[in-house]
Amino acid sequence: MKFGWRLIVGSIVGFLGSAFGTVGGVGGGGIFVPMLTLIVGFDQKSATAISKCKNIYIYIYIYIYIYIYIYIYIYIYIFIVGFIYFTYMIIVIERV
């Protein structure tokens, strides 16, 4: 595939379709398959396969965000609350 205006327009439409599709909670197949066939020039079978492959990257991003970042914040919160509770118990024990 040669670098040209079709590839640039397809990339822009693909990026915006992916962004709006992820925000809207849909995969974006209704955007990607027509974009890949009409603008970029793929056949239907290849466009469908590429559209499905795109979803893998979205799922990996969601997995990383949910299972790493959110759990890190939970662990930090538990550590801070535990530290405050431990410090409070030391103060209470010292007063007794």
N, C-alpha and C. Protein backbone atom coordinates (compact mmCIF):
# COMPACT_ATOMS: atom_id res chain seq x y z
N MET A 1 0.84 -1.17 0.00
CA MET A 1 0.00 0.00 0.00
C MET A 1 0.89 1.24 0.00
N LYS A 2 0.62 2.14 -0.90
CA LYS A 2 1.41 3.36 -1.02
C LYS A 2 0.87 4.42 -0.08
N PHE A 3 1.79 5.23 0.42
CA PHE A 3 1.41 6.34 1.29
C PHE A 3 0.75 7.43 0.45
N GLY A 4 -0.46 7.81 0.83
CA GLY A 4 -1.18 8.83 0.07
C GLY A 4 -2.32 9.39 0.89
N TRP A 5 -3.19 10.12 0.20
CA TRP A 5 -4.27 10.80 0.91
C TRP A 5 -5.27 9.80 1.48
N ARG A 6 -5.44 8.65 0.85
CA ARG A 6 -6.39 7.66 1.36
C ARG A 6 -5.95 7.12 2.72
N LEU A 7 -4.66 6.90 2.87
CA LEU A 7 -4.15 6.40 4.13
C LEU A 7 -4.27 7.45 5.23
N ILE A 8 -4.03 8.71 4.91
CA ILE A 8 -4.15 9.79 5.90
C ILE A 8 -5.60 9.97 6.32
N VAL A 9 -6.52 10.03 5.37
CA VAL A 9 -7.94 10.19 5.70
C VAL A 9 -8.45 8.96 6.46
N GLY A 10 -8.03 7.77 6.06
CA GLY A 10 -8.41 6.56 6.78
C GLY A 10 -7.90 6.54 8.21
N SER A 11 -6.68 7.04 8.42
CA SER A 11 -6.13 7.10 9.78
C SER A 11 -6.91 8.09 10.64
N ILE A 12 -7.25 9.23 10.08
CA ILE A 12 -8.01 10.23 10.84
C ILE A 12 -9.40 9.71 11.18
N VAL A 13 -10.08 9.14 10.19
CA VAL A 13 -11.42 8.59 10.44
C VAL A 13 -11.33 7.42 11.42
N GLY A 14 -10.31 6.60 11.30
CA GLY A 14 -10.13 5.48 12.23
C GLY A 14 -9.87 5.94 13.64
N PHE A 15 -9.05 6.96 13.80
CA PHE A 15 -8.77 7.49 15.14
C PHE A 15 -10.03 8.07 15.77
N LEU A 16 -10.74 8.90 15.01
CA LEU A 16 -11.95 9.51 15.55
C LEU A 16 -13.04 8.46 15.79
N GLY A 17 -13.17 7.50 14.88
CA GLY A 17 -14.14 6.43 15.08
C GLY A 17 -13.83 5.60 16.31
N SER A 18 -12.56 5.32 16.54
CA SER A 18 -12.16 4.57 17.71
C SER A 18 -12.42 5.35 18.99
N ALA A 19 -12.11 6.64 18.96
CA ALA A 19 -12.33 7.47 20.15
C ALA A 19 -13.81 7.57 20.48
N PHE A 20 -14.64 7.90 19.49
CA PHE A 20 -16.07 8.03 19.74
C PHE A 20 -16.72 6.68 20.01
N GLY A 21 -16.23 5.63 19.36
CA GLY A 21 -16.77 4.30 19.61
C GLY A 21 -16.48 3.81 21.01
N THR A 22 -15.27 4.09 21.51
CA THR A 22 -14.92 3.69 22.87
C THR A 22 -15.69 4.49 23.89
N VAL A 23 -15.83 5.77 23.66
CA VAL A 23 -16.60 6.61 24.59
C VAL A 23 -18.06 6.19 24.59
N GLY A 24 -18.61 5.87 23.42
CA GLY A 24 -20.01 5.48 23.31
C GLY A 24 -20.28 4.05 23.73
N GLY A 25 -19.25 3.26 23.92
CA GLY A 25 -19.42 1.89 24.37
C GLY A 25 -19.67 0.89 23.25
N VAL A 26 -19.39 1.26 22.02
CA VAL A 26 -19.55 0.34 20.89
C VAL A 26 -18.17 0.09 20.28
N GLY A 27 -18.07 -0.99 19.53
CA GLY A 27 -16.77 -1.34 18.94
C GLY A 27 -16.37 -0.47 17.77
N GLY A 28 -17.30 0.13 17.10
CA GLY A 28 -17.00 0.98 15.96
C GLY A 28 -16.94 0.26 14.64
N GLY A 29 -17.45 -0.97 14.57
CA GLY A 29 -17.42 -1.74 13.32
C GLY A 29 -18.23 -1.07 12.22
N GLY A 30 -19.29 -0.37 12.60
CA GLY A 30 -20.09 0.36 11.62
C GLY A 30 -19.37 1.53 11.02
N ILE A 31 -18.30 1.95 11.65
CA ILE A 31 -17.48 3.05 11.14
C ILE A 31 -16.28 2.50 10.39
N PHE A 32 -15.64 1.47 10.96
CA PHE A 32 -14.37 1.00 10.42
C PHE A 32 -14.51 0.21 9.13
N VAL A 33 -15.48 -0.66 9.06
CA VAL A 33 -15.61 -1.48 7.86
C VAL A 33 -15.92 -0.63 6.62
N PRO A 34 -16.91 0.29 6.68
CA PRO A 34 -17.11 1.15 5.50
C PRO A 34 -15.91 2.05 5.21
N MET A 35 -15.25 2.54 6.26
CA MET A 35 -14.09 3.39 6.05
C MET A 35 -12.97 2.62 5.36
N LEU A 36 -12.73 1.39 5.80
CA LEU A 36 -11.66 0.60 5.19
C LEU A 36 -11.99 0.18 3.76
N THR A 37 -13.27 -0.04 3.47
CA THR A 37 -13.62 -0.44 2.10
C THR A 37 -13.72 0.74 1.16
N LEU A 38 -14.37 1.82 1.59
CA LEU A 38 -14.61 2.94 0.70
C LEU A 38 -13.42 3.88 0.57
N ILE A 39 -12.77 4.19 1.68
CA ILE A 39 -11.68 5.17 1.64
C ILE A 39 -10.33 4.50 1.36
N VAL A 40 -10.00 3.48 2.15
CA VAL A 40 -8.68 2.87 2.03
C VAL A 40 -8.62 1.91 0.84
N GLY A 41 -9.71 1.17 0.57
CA GLY A 41 -9.74 0.32 -0.60
C GLY A 41 -9.60 -1.17 -0.33
N PHE A 42 -9.79 -1.62 0.91
CA PHE A 42 -9.75 -3.04 1.22
C PHE A 42 -11.04 -3.71 0.76
N ASP A 43 -10.96 -5.04 0.61
CA ASP A 43 -12.19 -5.78 0.33
C ASP A 43 -12.94 -6.03 1.64
N GLN A 44 -14.18 -6.51 1.56
CA GLN A 44 -15.03 -6.67 2.74
C GLN A 44 -14.42 -7.62 3.78
N LYS A 45 -13.88 -8.72 3.31
CA LYS A 45 -13.33 -9.72 4.23
C LYS A 45 -12.13 -9.16 5.00
N SER A 46 -11.23 -8.49 4.33
CA SER A 46 -10.06 -7.90 4.99
C SER A 46 -10.46 -6.76 5.91
N ALA A 47 -11.43 -5.96 5.49
CA ALA A 47 -11.87 -4.84 6.32
C ALA A 47 -12.50 -5.33 7.62
N THR A 48 -13.27 -6.41 7.53
CA THR A 48 -13.88 -6.97 8.74
C THR A 48 -12.82 -7.53 9.68
N ALA A 49 -11.83 -8.21 9.12
CA ALA A 49 -10.76 -8.77 9.96
C ALA A 49 -9.96 -7.67 10.63
N ILE A 50 -9.64 -6.63 9.91
CA ILE A 50 -8.87 -5.52 10.49
C ILE A 50 -9.69 -4.81 11.55
N SER A 51 -11.00 -4.68 11.32
CA SER A 51 -11.88 -4.05 12.31
C SER A 51 -11.90 -4.86 13.60
N LYS A 52 -11.91 -6.19 13.49
CA LYS A 52 -11.89 -7.04 14.69
C LYS A 52 -10.54 -6.95 15.40
N CYS A 53 -9.46 -6.86 14.65
CA CYS A 53 -8.13 -6.75 15.26
C CYS A 53 -7.98 -5.46 16.04
N LYS A 54 -8.64 -4.42 15.59
CA LYS A 54 -8.60 -3.14 16.28
C LYS A 54 -9.17 -3.26 17.68
N ASN A 55 -10.19 -4.11 17.85
CA ASN A 55 -10.82 -4.27 19.15
C ASN A 55 -9.86 -4.86 20.17
N ILE A 56 -8.90 -5.65 19.74
CA ILE A 56 -7.94 -6.24 20.67
C ILE A 56 -7.17 -5.16 21.40
N TYR A 57 -6.77 -4.11 20.69
CA TYR A 57 -6.03 -3.03 21.33
C TYR A 57 -6.89 -2.27 22.33
N ILE A 58 -8.17 -2.12 22.02
CA ILE A 58 -9.08 -1.46 22.96
C ILE A 58 -9.23 -2.31 24.22
N TYR A 59 -9.37 -3.63 24.06
CA TYR A 59 -9.52 -4.50 25.21
C TYR A 59 -8.26 -4.54 26.06
N ILE A 60 -7.11 -4.52 25.42
CA ILE A 60 -5.85 -4.49 26.18
C ILE A 60 -5.74 -3.20 26.97
N TYR A 61 -6.12 -2.07 26.35
CA TYR A 61 -6.08 -0.80 27.06
C TYR A 61 -7.02 -0.81 28.25
N ILE A 62 -8.24 -1.32 28.07
CA ILE A 62 -9.20 -1.37 29.17
C ILE A 62 -8.69 -2.27 30.28
N TYR A 63 -8.10 -3.41 29.91
CA TYR A 63 -7.55 -4.33 30.91
C TYR A 63 -6.46 -3.64 31.71
N ILE A 64 -5.54 -2.98 31.02
CA ILE A 64 -4.44 -2.31 31.72
C ILE A 64 -4.98 -1.21 32.63
N TYR A 65 -5.94 -0.43 32.13
CA TYR A 65 -6.47 0.67 32.92
C TYR A 65 -7.21 0.15 34.16
N ILE A 66 -8.10 -0.82 33.97
CA ILE A 66 -8.91 -1.28 35.10
C ILE A 66 -8.08 -2.08 36.09
N TYR A 67 -7.35 -3.07 35.60
CA TYR A 67 -6.71 -4.01 36.50
C TYR A 67 -5.35 -3.56 37.01
N ILE A 68 -4.79 -2.51 36.48
CA ILE A 68 -3.52 -2.03 37.01
C ILE A 68 -3.70 -0.68 37.69
N TYR A 69 -4.17 0.32 36.96
CA TYR A 69 -4.25 1.65 37.54
C TYR A 69 -5.25 1.74 38.68
N ILE A 70 -6.42 1.18 38.50
CA ILE A 70 -7.42 1.28 39.56
C ILE A 70 -6.97 0.50 40.78
N TYR A 71 -6.39 -0.70 40.57
CA TYR A 71 -5.92 -1.46 41.73
C TYR A 71 -4.74 -0.79 42.40
N ILE A 72 -3.92 -0.09 41.67
CA ILE A 72 -2.82 0.66 42.29
C ILE A 72 -3.39 1.74 43.19
N TYR A 73 -4.42 2.45 42.71
CA TYR A 73 -5.05 3.47 43.56
C TYR A 73 -5.68 2.85 44.79
N ILE A 74 -6.28 1.68 44.64
CA ILE A 74 -6.88 1.01 45.80
C ILE A 74 -5.80 0.61 46.79
N TYR A 75 -4.68 0.08 46.31
CA TYR A 75 -3.60 -0.31 47.21
C TYR A 75 -2.99 0.91 47.90
N ILE A 76 -2.85 2.00 47.19
CA ILE A 76 -2.33 3.22 47.82
C ILE A 76 -3.30 3.70 48.89
N TYR A 77 -4.61 3.66 48.58
CA TYR A 77 -5.61 4.07 49.56
C TYR A 77 -5.56 3.17 50.79
N ILE A 78 -5.47 1.86 50.58
CA ILE A 78 -5.41 0.93 51.72
C ILE A 78 -4.14 1.18 52.52
N PHE A 79 -3.03 1.46 51.86
CA PHE A 79 -1.78 1.73 52.56
C PHE A 79 -1.91 3.00 53.41
N ILE A 80 -2.49 4.05 52.84
CA ILE A 80 -2.62 5.31 53.58
C ILE A 80 -3.56 5.14 54.76
N VAL A 81 -4.70 4.48 54.53
CA VAL A 81 -5.64 4.26 55.63
C VAL A 81 -5.01 3.37 56.69
N GLY A 82 -4.31 2.33 56.29
CA GLY A 82 -3.63 1.47 57.25
C GLY A 82 -2.55 2.21 58.02
N PHE A 83 -1.82 3.05 57.35
CA PHE A 83 -0.78 3.84 58.03
C PHE A 83 -1.40 4.78 59.06
N ILE A 84 -2.49 5.45 58.67
CA ILE A 84 -3.16 6.36 59.61
C ILE A 84 -3.72 5.57 60.79
N TYR A 85 -4.34 4.42 60.53
CA TYR A 85 -4.89 3.60 61.60
C TYR A 85 -3.77 3.09 62.50
N PHE A 86 -2.66 2.63 61.94
CA PHE A 86 -1.53 2.15 62.73
C PHE A 86 -0.95 3.28 63.60
N THR A 87 -0.82 4.47 63.03
CA THR A 87 -0.32 5.62 63.79
C THR A 87 -1.28 5.97 64.92
N TYR A 88 -2.57 5.95 64.63
CA TYR A 88 -3.57 6.23 65.65
C TYR A 88 -3.49 5.21 66.78
N MET A 89 -3.31 3.93 66.44
CA MET A 89 -3.22 2.89 67.49
C MET A 89 -1.97 3.08 68.33
N ILE A 90 -0.87 3.50 67.73
CA ILE A 90 0.34 3.76 68.51
C ILE A 90 0.11 4.90 69.48
N ILE A 91 -0.57 5.95 69.05
CA ILE A 91 -0.86 7.08 69.93
C ILE A 91 -1.77 6.65 71.06
N VAL A 92 -2.78 5.83 70.77
CA VAL A 92 -3.72 5.37 71.79
C VAL A 92 -3.00 4.46 72.79
N ILE A 93 -2.12 3.58 72.29
CA ILE A 93 -1.41 2.66 73.20
C ILE A 93 -0.44 3.43 74.08
N GLU A 94 0.20 4.48 73.55
CA GLU A 94 1.13 5.26 74.35
C GLU A 94 0.42 6.04 75.45
N ARG A 95 -0.82 6.41 75.25
CA ARG A 95 -1.57 7.15 76.26
C ARG A 95 -2.03 6.24 77.38
N VAL A 96 -2.13 4.96 77.13
CA VAL A 96 -2.64 4.04 78.16
C VAL A 96 -1.58 3.73 79.16
